Amino acid sequence: MESSAKLSFARLSPRKTRLVVDMVRGKEIQAALNILRFSPQPSAKLISKLLSSAVANAEQKGVSDVDRLYVKTIYVDGGAVLKRFLPRAMGRASKIRKPTSHISVVLAEKK
């Protein structure tokens, strides 16, 4: 049985978030949470909460053993980019891009 969770419009860069997501893809749920707990990246905390949410969704669906879950698929898509401008010298302005991410995770039970 599969369960999923999504996080939309996370204020994280998709490129930096993909580095963290690649570390947990295909791992068992406990191993993935341990990796994220000791990872220094800011996105690790949000991904950890997302995995915990997916585990809670699996429990609601009636998965027999939560310890047999593993990360089947996890991916990061780019979201909307917030565009801001900062005044600079001599009447110029520089563009500031604040990217967002959409993170999706699917957990499955090992046979």
PDB file of N, CA and C in Angstrom:
ATOM      1  N   MET A   1       0.837  -1.173   0.000  1.00  0.00           N
ATOM      2  CA  MET A   1       0.000   0.000   0.000  1.00  0.00           C
ATOM      3  C   MET A   1       0.888   1.245   0.000  1.00  0.00           C
ATOM      4  N   GLU A   2       0.476   2.238  -0.754  1.00  0.00           N
ATOM      5  CA  GLU A   2       1.259   3.461  -0.871  1.00  0.00           C
ATOM      6  C   GLU A   2       0.568   4.617  -0.160  1.00  0.00           C
ATOM      7  N   SER A   3       1.367   5.536   0.319  1.00  0.00           N
ATOM      8  CA  SER A   3       0.841   6.775   0.881  1.00  0.00           C
ATOM      9  C   SER A   3       1.727   7.914   0.399  1.00  0.00           C
ATOM     10  N   SER A   4       1.133   9.087   0.310  1.00  0.00           N
ATOM     11  CA  SER A   4       1.890  10.207  -0.239  1.00  0.00           C
ATOM     12  C   SER A   4       1.634  11.467   0.574  1.00  0.00           C
ATOM     13  N   ALA A   5       2.504  12.453   0.350  1.00  0.00           N
ATOM     14  CA  ALA A   5       2.371  13.768   0.969  1.00  0.00           C
ATOM     15  C   ALA A   5       3.030  14.781   0.037  1.00  0.00           C
ATOM     16  N   LYS A   6       2.509  16.003   0.056  1.00  0.00           N
ATOM     17  CA  LYS A   6       3.046  17.063  -0.793  1.00  0.00           C
ATOM     18  C   LYS A   6       3.240  18.328   0.024  1.00  0.00           C
ATOM     19  N   LEU A   7       4.259  19.065  -0.331  1.00  0.00           N
ATOM     20  CA  LEU A   7       4.515  20.378   0.248  1.00  0.00           C
ATOM     21  C   LEU A   7       4.646  21.356  -0.903  1.00  0.00           C
ATOM     22  N   SER A   8       3.766  22.337  -0.954  1.00  0.00           N
ATOM     23  CA  SER A   8       3.762  23.304  -2.051  1.00  0.00           C
ATOM     24  C   SER A   8       4.270  24.659  -1.576  1.00  0.00           C
ATOM     25  N   PHE A   9       4.920  25.350  -2.460  1.00  0.00           N
ATOM     26  CA  PHE A   9       5.405  26.709  -2.249  1.00  0.00           C
ATOM     27  C   PHE A   9       6.337  26.820  -1.040  1.00  0.00           C
ATOM     28  N   ALA A  10       7.222  25.845  -0.869  1.00  0.00           N
ATOM     29  CA  ALA A  10       8.235  25.924   0.187  1.00  0.00           C
ATOM     30  C   ALA A  10       9.256  26.980  -0.243  1.00  0.00           C
ATOM     31  N   ARG A  11       9.632  27.865   0.659  1.00  0.00           N
ATOM     32  CA  ARG A  11      10.562  28.943   0.323  1.00  0.00           C
ATOM     33  C   ARG A  11      12.002  28.426   0.323  1.00  0.00           C
ATOM     34  N   LEU A  12      12.245  27.466  -0.543  1.00  0.00           N
ATOM     35  CA  LEU A  12      13.554  26.848  -0.687  1.00  0.00           C
ATOM     36  C   LEU A  12      13.885  26.788  -2.170  1.00  0.00           C
ATOM     37  N   SER A  13      15.143  26.881  -2.471  1.00  0.00           N
ATOM     38  CA  SER A  13      15.583  26.754  -3.844  1.00  0.00           C
ATOM     39  C   SER A  13      15.468  25.296  -4.282  1.00  0.00           C
ATOM     40  N   PRO A  14      14.861  25.016  -5.450  1.00  0.00           N
ATOM     41  CA  PRO A  14      14.732  23.630  -5.889  1.00  0.00           C
ATOM     42  C   PRO A  14      16.078  22.945  -6.094  1.00  0.00           C
ATOM     43  N   ARG A  15      17.053  23.689  -6.556  1.00  0.00           N
ATOM     44  CA  ARG A  15      18.370  23.105  -6.819  1.00  0.00           C
ATOM     45  C   ARG A  15      19.032  22.621  -5.529  1.00  0.00           C
ATOM     46  N   LYS A  16      18.938  23.420  -4.473  1.00  0.00           N
ATOM     47  CA  LYS A  16      19.531  23.038  -3.194  1.00  0.00           C
ATOM     48  C   LYS A  16      18.720  21.943  -2.510  1.00  0.00           C
ATOM     49  N   THR A  17      17.413  21.958  -2.702  1.00  0.00           N
ATOM     50  CA  THR A  17      16.553  20.964  -2.085  1.00  0.00           C
ATOM     51  C   THR A  17      16.753  19.596  -2.724  1.00  0.00           C
ATOM     52  N   ARG A  18      17.015  19.560  -4.023  1.00  0.00           N
ATOM     53  CA  ARG A  18      17.241  18.280  -4.711  1.00  0.00           C
ATOM     54  C   ARG A  18      18.457  17.550  -4.161  1.00  0.00           C
ATOM     55  N   LEU A  19      19.466  18.285  -3.700  1.00  0.00           N
ATOM     56  CA  LEU A  19      20.647  17.649  -3.124  1.00  0.00           C
ATOM     57  C   LEU A  19      20.287  16.858  -1.871  1.00  0.00           C
ATOM     58  N   VAL A  20      19.380  17.385  -1.066  1.00  0.00           N
ATOM     59  CA  VAL A  20      18.966  16.712   0.155  1.00  0.00           C
ATOM     60  C   VAL A  20      18.035  15.549  -0.170  1.00  0.00           C
ATOM     61  N   VAL A  21      17.153  15.741  -1.132  1.00  0.00           N
ATOM     62  CA  VAL A  21      16.191  14.702  -1.513  1.00  0.00           C
ATOM     63  C   VAL A  21      16.909  13.482  -2.072  1.00  0.00           C
ATOM     64  N   ASP A  22      17.998  13.706  -2.803  1.00  0.00           N
ATOM     65  CA  ASP A  22      18.752  12.598  -3.386  1.00  0.00           C
ATOM     66  C   ASP A  22      19.375  11.694  -2.323  1.00  0.00           C
ATOM     67  N   MET A  23      19.607  12.239  -1.131  1.00  0.00           N
ATOM     68  CA  MET A  23      20.217  11.433  -0.063  1.00  0.00           C
ATOM     69  C   MET A  23      19.252  10.396   0.506  1.00  0.00           C
ATOM     70  N   VAL A  24      17.936  10.659   0.442  1.00  0.00           N
ATOM     71  CA  VAL A  24      16.976   9.766   1.092  1.00  0.00           C
ATOM     72  C   VAL A  24      16.165   8.917   0.119  1.00  0.00           C
ATOM     73  N   ARG A  25      16.311   9.141  -1.166  1.00  0.00           N
ATOM     74  CA  ARG A  25      15.534   8.378  -2.143  1.00  0.00           C
ATOM     75  C   ARG A  25      15.884   6.892  -2.076  1.00  0.00           C
ATOM     76  N   GLY A  26      14.851   6.052  -1.913  1.00  0.00           N
ATOM     77  CA  GLY A  26      15.037   4.603  -1.885  1.00  0.00           C
ATOM     78  C   GLY A  26      15.384   4.031  -0.514  1.00  0.00           C
ATOM     79  N   LYS A  27      15.549   4.865   0.485  1.00  0.00           N
ATOM     80  CA  LYS A  27      15.931   4.401   1.825  1.00  0.00           C
ATOM     81  C   LYS A  27      14.692   4.008   2.635  1.00  0.00           C
ATOM     82  N   GLU A  28      14.911   3.186   3.660  1.00  0.00           N
ATOM     83  CA  GLU A  28      13.841   2.882   4.605  1.00  0.00           C
ATOM     84  C   GLU A  28      13.536   4.143   5.399  1.00  0.00           C
ATOM     85  N   ILE A  29      12.339   4.202   5.961  1.00  0.00           N
ATOM     86  CA  ILE A  29      11.870   5.444   6.571  1.00  0.00           C
ATOM     87  C   ILE A  29      12.715   5.856   7.772  1.00  0.00           C
ATOM     88  N   GLN A  30      13.109   4.899   8.606  1.00  0.00           N
ATOM     89  CA  GLN A  30      13.923   5.243   9.781  1.00  0.00           C
ATOM     90  C   GLN A  30      15.307   5.733   9.372  1.00  0.00           C
ATOM     91  N   ALA A  31      15.902   5.088   8.376  1.00  0.00           N
ATOM     92  CA  ALA A  31      17.220   5.512   7.890  1.00  0.00           C
ATOM     93  C   ALA A  31      17.136   6.910   7.269  1.00  0.00           C
ATOM     94  N   ALA A  32      16.064   7.167   6.532  1.00  0.00           N
ATOM     95  CA  ALA A  32      15.887   8.477   5.891  1.00  0.00           C
ATOM     96  C   ALA A  32      15.738   9.569   6.942  1.00  0.00           C
ATOM     97  N   LEU A  33      14.944   9.313   7.987  1.00  0.00           N
ATOM     98  CA  LEU A  33      14.760  10.315   9.037  1.00  0.00           C
ATOM     99  C   LEU A  33      16.052  10.568   9.807  1.00  0.00           C
ATOM    100  N   ASN A  34      16.865   9.525  10.009  1.00  0.00           N
ATOM    101  CA  ASN A  34      18.157   9.708  10.678  1.00  0.00           C
ATOM    102  C   ASN A  34      19.114  10.538   9.829  1.00  0.00           C
ATOM    103  N   ILE A  35      19.127  10.296   8.533  1.00  0.00           N
ATOM    104  CA  ILE A  35      19.983  11.072   7.637  1.00  0.00           C
ATOM    105  C   ILE A  35      19.589  12.542   7.687  1.00  0.00           C
ATOM    106  N   LEU A  36      18.281  12.803   7.648  1.00  0.00           N
ATOM    107  CA  LEU A  36      17.799  14.185   7.643  1.00  0.00           C
ATOM    108  C   LEU A  36      18.024  14.871   8.986  1.00  0.00           C
ATOM    109  N   ARG A  37      17.950  14.114  10.072  1.00  0.00           N
ATOM    110  CA  ARG A  37      18.130  14.702  11.403  1.00  0.00           C
ATOM    111  C   ARG A  37      19.536  15.298  11.552  1.00  0.00           C
ATOM    112  N   PHE A  38      20.532  14.640  10.967  1.00  0.00           N
ATOM    113  CA  PHE A  38      21.913  15.093  11.140  1.00  0.00           C
ATOM    114  C   PHE A  38      22.444  15.859   9.928  1.00  0.00           C
ATOM    115  N   SER A  39      21.561  16.214   9.020  1.00  0.00           N
ATOM    116  CA  SER A  39      21.964  16.978   7.846  1.00  0.00           C
ATOM    117  C   SER A  39      21.892  18.476   8.167  1.00  0.00           C
ATOM    118  N   PRO A  40      22.917  19.257   7.830  1.00  0.00           N
ATOM    119  CA  PRO A  40      22.945  20.673   8.208  1.00  0.00           C
ATOM    120  C   PRO A  40      22.120  21.592   7.312  1.00  0.00           C
ATOM    121  N   GLN A  41      21.616  21.103   6.183  1.00  0.00           N
ATOM    122  CA  GLN A  41      20.891  21.962   5.258  1.00  0.00           C
ATOM    123  C   GLN A  41      19.534  22.374   5.835  1.00  0.00           C
ATOM    124  N   PRO A  42      19.096  23.598   5.568  1.00  0.00           N
ATOM    125  CA  PRO A  42      17.792  24.059   6.067  1.00  0.00           C
ATOM    126  C   PRO A  42      16.612  23.257   5.501  1.00  0.00           C
ATOM    127  N   SER A  43      16.753  22.746   4.282  1.00  0.00           N
ATOM    128  CA  SER A  43      15.651  22.000   3.677  1.00  0.00           C
ATOM    129  C   SER A  43      15.454  20.633   4.331  1.00  0.00           C
ATOM    130  N   ALA A  44      16.447  20.137   5.056  1.00  0.00           N
ATOM    131  CA  ALA A  44      16.342  18.818   5.679  1.00  0.00           C
ATOM    132  C   ALA A  44      15.230  18.770   6.720  1.00  0.00           C
ATOM    133  N   LYS A  45      15.033  19.860   7.432  1.00  0.00           N
ATOM    134  CA  LYS A  45      13.993  19.893   8.464  1.00  0.00           C
ATOM    135  C   LYS A  45      12.600  19.804   7.841  1.00  0.00           C
ATOM    136  N   LEU A  46      12.366  20.550   6.746  1.00  0.00           N
ATOM    137  CA  LEU A  46      11.066  20.502   6.084  1.00  0.00           C
ATOM    138  C   LEU A  46      10.805  19.140   5.445  1.00  0.00           C
ATOM    139  N   ILE A  47      11.824  18.543   4.857  1.00  0.00           N
ATOM    140  CA  ILE A  47      11.659  17.232   4.241  1.00  0.00           C
ATOM    141  C   ILE A  47      11.392  16.181   5.309  1.00  0.00           C
ATOM    142  N   SER A  48      12.026  16.318   6.467  1.00  0.00           N
ATOM    143  CA  SER A  48      11.781  15.405   7.573  1.00  0.00           C
ATOM    144  C   SER A  48      10.325  15.486   8.033  1.00  0.00           C
ATOM    145  N   LYS A  49       9.799  16.702   8.136  1.00  0.00           N
ATOM    146  CA  LYS A  49       8.400  16.875   8.527  1.00  0.00           C
ATOM    147  C   LYS A  49       7.459  16.302   7.462  1.00  0.00           C
ATOM    148  N   LEU A  50       7.847  16.437   6.197  1.00  0.00           N
ATOM    149  CA  LEU A  50       7.038  15.900   5.111  1.00  0.00           C
ATOM    150  C   LEU A  50       7.005  14.377   5.157  1.00  0.00           C
ATOM    151  N   LEU A  51       8.147  13.745   5.436  1.00  0.00           N
ATOM    152  CA  LEU A  51       8.193  12.285   5.567  1.00  0.00           C
ATOM    153  C   LEU A  51       7.350  11.821   6.751  1.00  0.00           C
ATOM    154  N   SER A  52       7.406  12.551   7.857  1.00  0.00           N
ATOM    155  CA  SER A  52       6.590  12.199   9.020  1.00  0.00           C
ATOM    156  C   SER A  52       5.102  12.309   8.685  1.00  0.00           C
ATOM    157  N   SER A  53       4.735  13.294   7.894  1.00  0.00           N
ATOM    158  CA  SER A  53       3.353  13.445   7.466  1.00  0.00           C
ATOM    159  C   SER A  53       2.917  12.280   6.580  1.00  0.00           C
ATOM    160  N   ALA A  54       3.804  11.832   5.696  1.00  0.00           N
ATOM    161  CA  ALA A  54       3.491  10.696   4.829  1.00  0.00           C
ATOM    162  C   ALA A  54       3.331   9.415   5.651  1.00  0.00           C
ATOM    163  N   VAL A  55       4.139   9.268   6.706  1.00  0.00           N
ATOM    164  CA  VAL A  55       4.010   8.101   7.596  1.00  0.00           C
ATOM    165  C   VAL A  55       2.669   8.153   8.318  1.00  0.00           C
ATOM    166  N   ALA A  56       2.261   9.332   8.777  1.00  0.00           N
ATOM    167  CA  ALA A  56       0.960   9.480   9.435  1.00  0.00           C
ATOM    168  C   ALA A  56      -0.181   9.165   8.463  1.00  0.00           C
ATOM    169  N   ASN A  57      -0.026   9.566   7.202  1.00  0.00           N
ATOM    170  CA  ASN A  57      -1.029   9.234   6.191  1.00  0.00           C
ATOM    171  C   ASN A  57      -1.110   7.723   5.981  1.00  0.00           C
ATOM    172  N   ALA A  58       0.036   7.056   6.022  1.00  0.00           N
ATOM    173  CA  ALA A  58       0.056   5.593   5.873  1.00  0.00           C
ATOM    174  C   ALA A  58      -0.652   4.920   7.045  1.00  0.00           C
ATOM    175  N   GLU A  59      -0.437   5.445   8.248  1.00  0.00           N
ATOM    176  CA  GLU A  59      -1.112   4.880   9.423  1.00  0.00           C
ATOM    177  C   GLU A  59      -2.626   5.051   9.307  1.00  0.00           C
ATOM    178  N   GLN A  60      -3.072   6.186   8.782  1.00  0.00           N
ATOM    179  CA  GLN A  60      -4.495   6.417   8.601  1.00  0.00           C
ATOM    180  C   GLN A  60      -5.102   5.461   7.574  1.00  0.00           C
ATOM    181  N   LYS A  61      -4.304   5.117   6.567  1.00  0.00           N
ATOM    182  CA  LYS A  61      -4.779   4.183   5.545  1.00  0.00           C
ATOM    183  C   LYS A  61      -4.834   2.750   6.063  1.00  0.00           C
ATOM    184  N   GLY A  62      -4.107   2.478   7.144  1.00  0.00           N
ATOM    185  CA  GLY A  62      -4.151   1.140   7.730  1.00  0.00           C
ATOM    186  C   GLY A  62      -2.980   0.251   7.349  1.00  0.00           C
ATOM    187  N   VAL A  63      -1.806   0.818   7.214  1.00  0.00           N
ATOM    188  CA  VAL A  63      -0.619   0.017   6.946  1.00  0.00           C
ATOM    189  C   VAL A  63      -0.325  -0.831   8.175  1.00  0.00           C
ATOM    190  N   SER A  64      -0.040  -2.109   7.952  1.00  0.00           N
ATOM    191  CA  SER A  64       0.145  -3.031   9.075  1.00  0.00           C
ATOM    192  C   SER A  64       1.407  -2.730   9.872  1.00  0.00           C
ATOM    193  N   ASP A  65       2.524  -2.467   9.210  1.00  0.00           N
ATOM    194  CA  ASP A  65       3.783  -2.226   9.911  1.00  0.00           C
ATOM    195  C   ASP A  65       4.471  -0.990   9.322  1.00  0.00           C
ATOM    196  N   VAL A  66       4.564   0.064  10.110  1.00  0.00           N
ATOM    197  CA  VAL A  66       5.153   1.322   9.645  1.00  0.00           C
ATOM    198  C   VAL A  66       6.656   1.172   9.411  1.00  0.00           C
ATOM    199  N   ASP A  67       7.310   0.266  10.126  1.00  0.00           N
ATOM    200  CA  ASP A  67       8.754   0.086   9.986  1.00  0.00           C
ATOM    201  C   ASP A  67       9.144  -0.524   8.639  1.00  0.00           C
ATOM    202  N   ARG A  68       8.185  -1.074   7.918  1.00  0.00           N
ATOM    203  CA  ARG A  68       8.489  -1.670   6.616  1.00  0.00           C
ATOM    204  C   ARG A  68       8.340  -0.672   5.472  1.00  0.00           C
ATOM    205  N   LEU A  69       8.031   0.574   5.780  1.00  0.00           N
ATOM    206  CA  LEU A  69       7.881   1.595   4.746  1.00  0.00           C
ATOM    207  C   LEU A  69       9.240   2.057   4.230  1.00  0.00           C
ATOM    208  N   TYR A  70       9.287   2.408   2.962  1.00  0.00           N
ATOM    209  CA  TYR A  70      10.489   3.004   2.378  1.00  0.00           C
ATOM    210  C   TYR A  70      10.074   4.114   1.420  1.00  0.00           C
ATOM    211  N   VAL A  71      11.012   4.976   1.091  1.00  0.00           N
ATOM    212  CA  VAL A  71      10.754   6.112   0.210  1.00  0.00           C
ATOM    213  C   VAL A  71      10.788   5.605  -1.231  1.00  0.00           C
ATOM    214  N   LYS A  72       9.608   5.427  -1.808  1.00  0.00           N
ATOM    215  CA  LYS A  72       9.524   4.906  -3.174  1.00  0.00           C
ATOM    216  C   LYS A  72       9.931   5.976  -4.179  1.00  0.00           C
ATOM    217  N   THR A  73       9.259   7.107  -4.126  1.00  0.00           N
ATOM    218  CA  THR A  73       9.635   8.232  -4.986  1.00  0.00           C
ATOM    219  C   THR A  73       9.588   9.516  -4.170  1.00  0.00           C
ATOM    220  N   ILE A  74      10.522  10.392  -4.461  1.00  0.00           N
ATOM    221  CA  ILE A  74      10.539  11.725  -3.868  1.00  0.00           C
ATOM    222  C   ILE A  74      11.185  12.648  -4.898  1.00  0.00           C
ATOM    223  N   TYR A  75      10.524  13.748  -5.175  1.00  0.00           N
ATOM    224  CA  TYR A  75      11.063  14.668  -6.172  1.00  0.00           C
ATOM    225  C   TYR A  75      10.695  16.109  -5.831  1.00  0.00           C
ATOM    226  N   VAL A  76      11.442  17.017  -6.427  1.00  0.00           N
ATOM    227  CA  VAL A  76      11.271  18.451  -6.190  1.00  0.00           C
ATOM    228  C   VAL A  76      11.040  19.137  -7.525  1.00  0.00           C
ATOM    229  N   ASP A  77       9.951  19.884  -7.602  1.00  0.00           N
ATOM    230  CA  ASP A  77       9.662  20.697  -8.779  1.00  0.00           C
ATOM    231  C   ASP A  77       9.800  22.166  -8.406  1.00  0.00           C
ATOM    232  N   GLY A  78      10.145  22.969  -9.364  1.00  0.00           N
ATOM    233  CA  GLY A  78      10.246  24.406  -9.126  1.00  0.00           C
ATOM    234  C   GLY A  78       8.868  25.040  -9.065  1.00  0.00           C
ATOM    235  N   GLY A  79       8.692  25.944  -8.144  1.00  0.00           N
ATOM    236  CA  GLY A  79       7.423  26.659  -8.005  1.00  0.00           C
ATOM    237  C   GLY A  79       7.544  28.063  -8.561  1.00  0.00           C
ATOM    238  N   ALA A  80       6.644  28.914  -8.136  1.00  0.00           N
ATOM    239  CA  ALA A  80       6.670  30.309  -8.571  1.00  0.00           C
ATOM    240  C   ALA A  80       7.889  31.008  -7.977  1.00  0.00           C
ATOM    241  N   VAL A  81       8.408  31.976  -8.704  1.00  0.00           N
ATOM    242  CA  VAL A  81       9.557  32.745  -8.238  1.00  0.00           C
ATOM    243  C   VAL A  81       9.070  34.125  -7.834  1.00  0.00           C
ATOM    244  N   LEU A  82       9.316  34.488  -6.584  1.00  0.00           N
ATOM    245  CA  LEU A  82       8.979  35.826  -6.115  1.00  0.00           C
ATOM    246  C   LEU A  82      10.065  36.782  -6.601  1.00  0.00           C
ATOM    247  N   LYS A  83       9.672  37.828  -7.281  1.00  0.00           N
ATOM    248  CA  LYS A  83      10.646  38.763  -7.842  1.00  0.00           C
ATOM    249  C   LYS A  83      10.587  40.065  -7.076  1.00  0.00           C
ATOM    250  N   ARG A  84      11.738  40.479  -6.584  1.00  0.00           N
ATOM    251  CA  ARG A  84      11.852  41.722  -5.825  1.00  0.00           C
ATOM    252  C   ARG A  84      12.972  42.567  -6.441  1.00  0.00           C
ATOM    253  N   PHE A  85      12.943  43.864  -6.148  1.00  0.00           N
ATOM    254  CA  PHE A  85      13.979  44.761  -6.648  1.00  0.00           C
ATOM    255  C   PHE A  85      14.608  45.507  -5.490  1.00  0.00           C
ATOM    256  N   LEU A  86      15.924  45.727  -5.598  1.00  0.00           N
ATOM    257  CA  LEU A  86      16.685  46.411  -4.575  1.00  0.00           C
ATOM    258  C   LEU A  86      17.319  47.647  -5.208  1.00  0.00           C
ATOM    259  N   PRO A  87      17.101  48.815  -4.630  1.00  0.00           N
ATOM    260  CA  PRO A  87      17.708  50.020  -5.211  1.00  0.00           C
ATOM    261  C   PRO A  87      19.237  49.980  -5.111  1.00  0.00           C
ATOM    262  N   ARG A  88      19.889  50.435  -6.156  1.00  0.00           N
ATOM    263  CA  ARG A  88      21.354  50.457  -6.207  1.00  0.00           C
ATOM    264  C   ARG A  88      21.824  51.884  -6.513  1.00  0.00           C
ATOM    265  N   ALA A  89      23.103  52.019  -6.688  1.00  0.00           N
ATOM    266  CA  ALA A  89      23.689  53.334  -6.934  1.00  0.00           C
ATOM    267  C   ALA A  89      23.302  53.868  -8.310  1.00  0.00           C
ATOM    268  N   MET A  90      23.311  55.180  -8.435  1.00  0.00           N
ATOM    269  CA  MET A  90      23.072  55.903  -9.689  1.00  0.00           C
ATOM    270  C   MET A  90      21.715  55.580 -10.300  1.00  0.00           C
ATOM    271  N   GLY A  91      20.705  55.402  -9.475  1.00  0.00           N
ATOM    272  CA  GLY A  91      19.344  55.211  -9.967  1.00  0.00           C
ATOM    273  C   GLY A  91      19.041  53.852 -10.548  1.00  0.00           C
ATOM    274  N   ARG A  92      19.930  52.910 -10.374  1.00  0.00           N
ATOM    275  CA  ARG A  92      19.711  51.568 -10.919  1.00  0.00           C
ATOM    276  C   ARG A  92      18.964  50.702  -9.902  1.00  0.00           C
ATOM    277  N   ALA A  93      18.565  49.528 -10.356  1.00  0.00           N
ATOM    278  CA  ALA A  93      17.926  48.551  -9.466  1.00  0.00           C
ATOM    279  C   ALA A  93      18.442  47.166  -9.833  1.00  0.00           C
ATOM    280  N   SER A  94      18.638  46.324  -8.830  1.00  0.00           N
ATOM    281  CA  SER A  94      19.056  44.952  -9.108  1.00  0.00           C
ATOM    282  C   SER A  94      17.923  44.011  -8.721  1.00  0.00           C
ATOM    283  N   LYS A  95      17.801  42.957  -9.510  1.00  0.00           N
ATOM    284  CA  LYS A  95      16.711  42.015  -9.327  1.00  0.00           C
ATOM    285  C   LYS A  95      17.080  40.979  -8.270  1.00  0.00           C
ATOM    286  N   ILE A  96      16.142  40.660  -7.388  1.00  0.00           N
ATOM    287  CA  ILE A  96      16.313  39.593  -6.404  1.00  0.00           C
ATOM    288  C   ILE A  96      15.254  38.544  -6.697  1.00  0.00           C
ATOM    289  N   ARG A  97      15.692  37.306  -6.914  1.00  0.00           N
ATOM    290  CA  ARG A  97      14.781  36.190  -7.180  1.00  0.00           C
ATOM    291  C   ARG A  97      14.667  35.337  -5.931  1.00  0.00           C
ATOM    292  N   LYS A  98      13.448  35.082  -5.478  1.00  0.00           N
ATOM    293  CA  LYS A  98      13.217  34.236  -4.310  1.00  0.00           C
ATOM    294  C   LYS A  98      12.451  33.000  -4.775  1.00  0.00           C
ATOM    295  N   PRO A  99      13.167  31.907  -5.086  1.00  0.00           N
ATOM    296  CA  PRO A  99      12.511  30.732  -5.657  1.00  0.00           C
ATOM    297  C   PRO A  99      11.719  29.943  -4.608  1.00  0.00           C
ATOM    298  N   THR A 100      10.716  29.209  -5.095  1.00  0.00           N
ATOM    299  CA  THR A 100       9.944  28.305  -4.252  1.00  0.00           C
ATOM    300  C   THR A 100      10.000  26.910  -4.851  1.00  0.00           C
ATOM    301  N   SER A 101       9.635  25.915  -4.040  1.00  0.00           N
ATOM    302  CA  SER A 101       9.695  24.520  -4.462  1.00  0.00           C
ATOM    303  C   SER A 101       8.397  23.806  -4.123  1.00  0.00           C
ATOM    304  N   HIS A 102       8.092  22.793  -4.923  1.00  0.00           N
ATOM    305  CA  HIS A 102       7.012  21.860  -4.629  1.00  0.00           C
ATOM    306  C   HIS A 102       7.678  20.495  -4.412  1.00  0.00           C
ATOM    307  N   ILE A 103       7.499  19.915  -3.225  1.00  0.00           N
ATOM    308  CA  ILE A 103       8.132  18.643  -2.884  1.00  0.00           C
ATOM    309  C   ILE A 103       7.047  17.581  -2.757  1.00  0.00           C
ATOM    310  N   SER A 104       7.227  16.444  -3.420  1.00  0.00           N
ATOM    311  CA  SER A 104       6.271  15.337  -3.369  1.00  0.00           C
ATOM    312  C   SER A 104       6.997  14.071  -2.942  1.00  0.00           C
ATOM    313  N   VAL A 105       6.345  13.281  -2.085  1.00  0.00           N
ATOM    314  CA  VAL A 105       6.936  12.040  -1.606  1.00  0.00           C
ATOM    315  C   VAL A 105       5.877  10.943  -1.631  1.00  0.00           C
ATOM    316  N   VAL A 106       6.299   9.744  -2.033  1.00  0.00           N
ATOM    317  CA  VAL A 106       5.428   8.559  -2.012  1.00  0.00           C
ATOM    318  C   VAL A 106       6.167   7.472  -1.240  1.00  0.00           C
ATOM    319  N   LEU A 107       5.498   6.939  -0.218  1.00  0.00           N
ATOM    320  CA  LEU A 107       6.037   5.833   0.564  1.00  0.00           C
ATOM    321  C   LEU A 107       5.327   4.556   0.173  1.00  0.00           C
ATOM    322  N   ALA A 108       6.066   3.446   0.179  1.00  0.00           N
ATOM    323  CA  ALA A 108       5.479   2.146  -0.115  1.00  0.00           C
ATOM    324  C   ALA A 108       5.962   1.143   0.909  1.00  0.00           C
ATOM    325  N   GLU A 109       5.251   0.009   0.984  1.00  0.00           N
ATOM    326  CA  GLU A 109       5.587  -1.023   1.941  1.00  0.00           C
ATOM    327  C   GLU A 109       6.464  -2.073   1.273  1.00  0.00           C
ATOM    328  N   LYS A 110       7.555  -2.467   1.944  1.00  0.00           N
ATOM    329  CA  LYS A 110       8.404  -3.520   1.412  1.00  0.00           C
ATOM    330  C   LYS A 110       7.724  -4.857   1.588  1.00  0.00           C
ATOM    331  N   LYS A 111       7.905  -5.736   0.624  1.00  0.00           N
ATOM    332  CA  LYS A 111       7.263  -7.039   0.682  1.00  0.00           C
ATOM    333  C   LYS A 111       8.104  -8.058   1.408  1.00  0.00           C
TER     334      LYS A 111
END
